[in-house]
Amino acid sequence: MEQNLIEETKEQLLTIADTLYQGGVSDGIAAMNAVIPNLAVIADHIENEDLKQKLVADALTPILSAMENEDGTLMADLITYELVELLDSL
């Protein structure tokens, strides 16, 4: 898998988290929708099934739920403390 895609996605995610922490919930949700295709590509290339399951169960599913509820702080926390940390381990 391209390490560049992971690094680029992490930078985008951290920018989104900053936007969310500053109260830009609708902007953060819109930006997150643009990053989801990259996350799908990354997930498809993870060979370790446990790690792939952790990405979906611990990060992506809760983030999508927070997006539906327009909970920007929860989204930012999940991005920062679950998703980016998981991407760091790849």
Protein backbone atom coordinates (compact mmCIF):
# COMPACT_ATOMS: atom_id res chain seq x y z
CA MET A 1 0.00 0.00 0.00
CA GLU A 2 1.20 3.48 -0.72
CA GLN A 3 2.59 5.10 2.39
CA ASN A 4 1.94 8.47 0.71
CA LEU A 5 -1.81 7.82 0.72
CA ILE A 6 -1.73 7.03 4.43
CA GLU A 7 0.32 10.13 5.27
CA GLU A 8 -1.85 12.38 3.08
CA THR A 9 -5.01 10.95 4.63
CA LYS A 10 -3.66 11.44 8.17
CA GLU A 11 -2.89 15.10 7.40
CA GLN A 12 -6.41 15.59 6.01
CA LEU A 13 -7.92 13.90 9.07
CA LEU A 14 -5.98 16.09 11.50
CA THR A 15 -7.11 19.19 9.60
CA ILE A 16 -10.71 17.94 9.80
CA ALA A 17 -10.32 17.33 13.55
CA ASP A 18 -9.05 20.90 14.01
CA THR A 19 -12.04 22.23 12.06
CA LEU A 20 -14.41 20.17 14.22
CA TYR A 21 -12.77 21.27 17.48
CA GLN A 22 -13.24 24.88 16.35
CA GLY A 23 -16.96 24.29 15.90
CA GLY A 24 -17.07 23.80 12.13
CA VAL A 25 -19.26 20.72 12.27
CA SER A 26 -20.86 20.97 8.82
CA ASP A 27 -17.48 21.79 7.20
CA GLY A 28 -15.87 18.90 9.08
CA ILE A 29 -18.57 16.47 8.00
CA ALA A 30 -18.27 17.60 4.38
CA ALA A 31 -14.49 17.19 4.50
CA MET A 32 -14.83 13.77 6.14
CA ASN A 33 -17.11 12.65 3.31
CA ALA A 34 -14.31 13.53 0.90
CA VAL A 35 -11.75 11.44 2.86
CA ILE A 36 -13.88 8.30 3.23
CA PRO A 37 -12.91 6.95 -0.25
CA ASN A 38 -9.21 7.12 0.77
CA LEU A 39 -10.01 5.26 3.98
CA ALA A 40 -11.81 2.58 1.96
CA VAL A 41 -8.72 2.10 -0.23
CA ILE A 42 -6.49 1.91 2.85
CA ALA A 43 -8.83 -0.61 4.51
CA ASP A 44 -8.89 -2.76 1.37
CA HIS A 45 -5.11 -3.03 1.48
CA ILE A 46 -4.82 -4.04 5.14
CA GLU A 47 -3.92 -7.72 5.14
CA ASN A 48 -4.22 -8.24 8.90
CA GLU A 49 -7.91 -9.04 9.46
CA ASP A 50 -7.79 -8.08 13.16
CA LEU A 51 -6.39 -4.67 12.27
CA LYS A 52 -8.97 -4.22 9.52
CA GLN A 53 -11.75 -5.13 11.96
CA LYS A 54 -10.33 -2.69 14.53
CA LEU A 55 -10.37 0.08 11.89
CA VAL A 56 -14.02 -0.55 11.12
CA ALA A 57 -15.29 -1.28 14.64
CA ASP A 58 -13.25 1.20 16.69
CA ALA A 59 -12.95 4.09 14.25
CA LEU A 60 -15.06 4.15 11.11
CA THR A 61 -18.39 2.92 12.51
CA PRO A 62 -18.34 5.31 15.51
CA ILE A 63 -17.23 8.20 13.26
CA LEU A 64 -20.13 7.58 10.87
CA SER A 65 -22.50 7.50 13.84
CA ALA A 66 -21.07 10.79 15.14
CA MET A 67 -21.49 12.28 11.65
CA GLU A 68 -25.16 11.26 11.61
CA ASN A 69 -25.64 12.87 15.02
CA GLU A 70 -23.64 15.95 13.97
CA ASP A 71 -21.44 15.48 17.06
CA GLY A 72 -18.32 17.35 16.02
CA THR A 73 -16.40 16.90 19.27
CA LEU A 74 -16.91 13.14 19.29
CA MET A 75 -15.92 12.97 15.62
CA ALA A 76 -12.75 14.96 16.28
CA ASP A 77 -11.85 12.76 19.27
CA LEU A 78 -12.42 9.57 17.29
CA ILE A 79 -10.38 10.89 14.36
CA THR A 80 -7.52 11.99 16.60
CA TYR A 81 -7.38 9.18 19.14
CA GLU A 82 -8.63 6.16 17.19
CA LEU A 83 -8.32 6.64 13.45
CA VAL A 84 -5.03 8.54 13.17
CA GLU A 85 -3.37 6.36 15.80
CA LEU A 86 -4.50 3.26 13.92
CA LEU A 87 -3.17 4.68 10.64
CA ASP A 88 0.14 5.38 12.41
CA SER A 89 0.44 1.66 13.11
CA LEU A 90 0.26 0.71 9.41
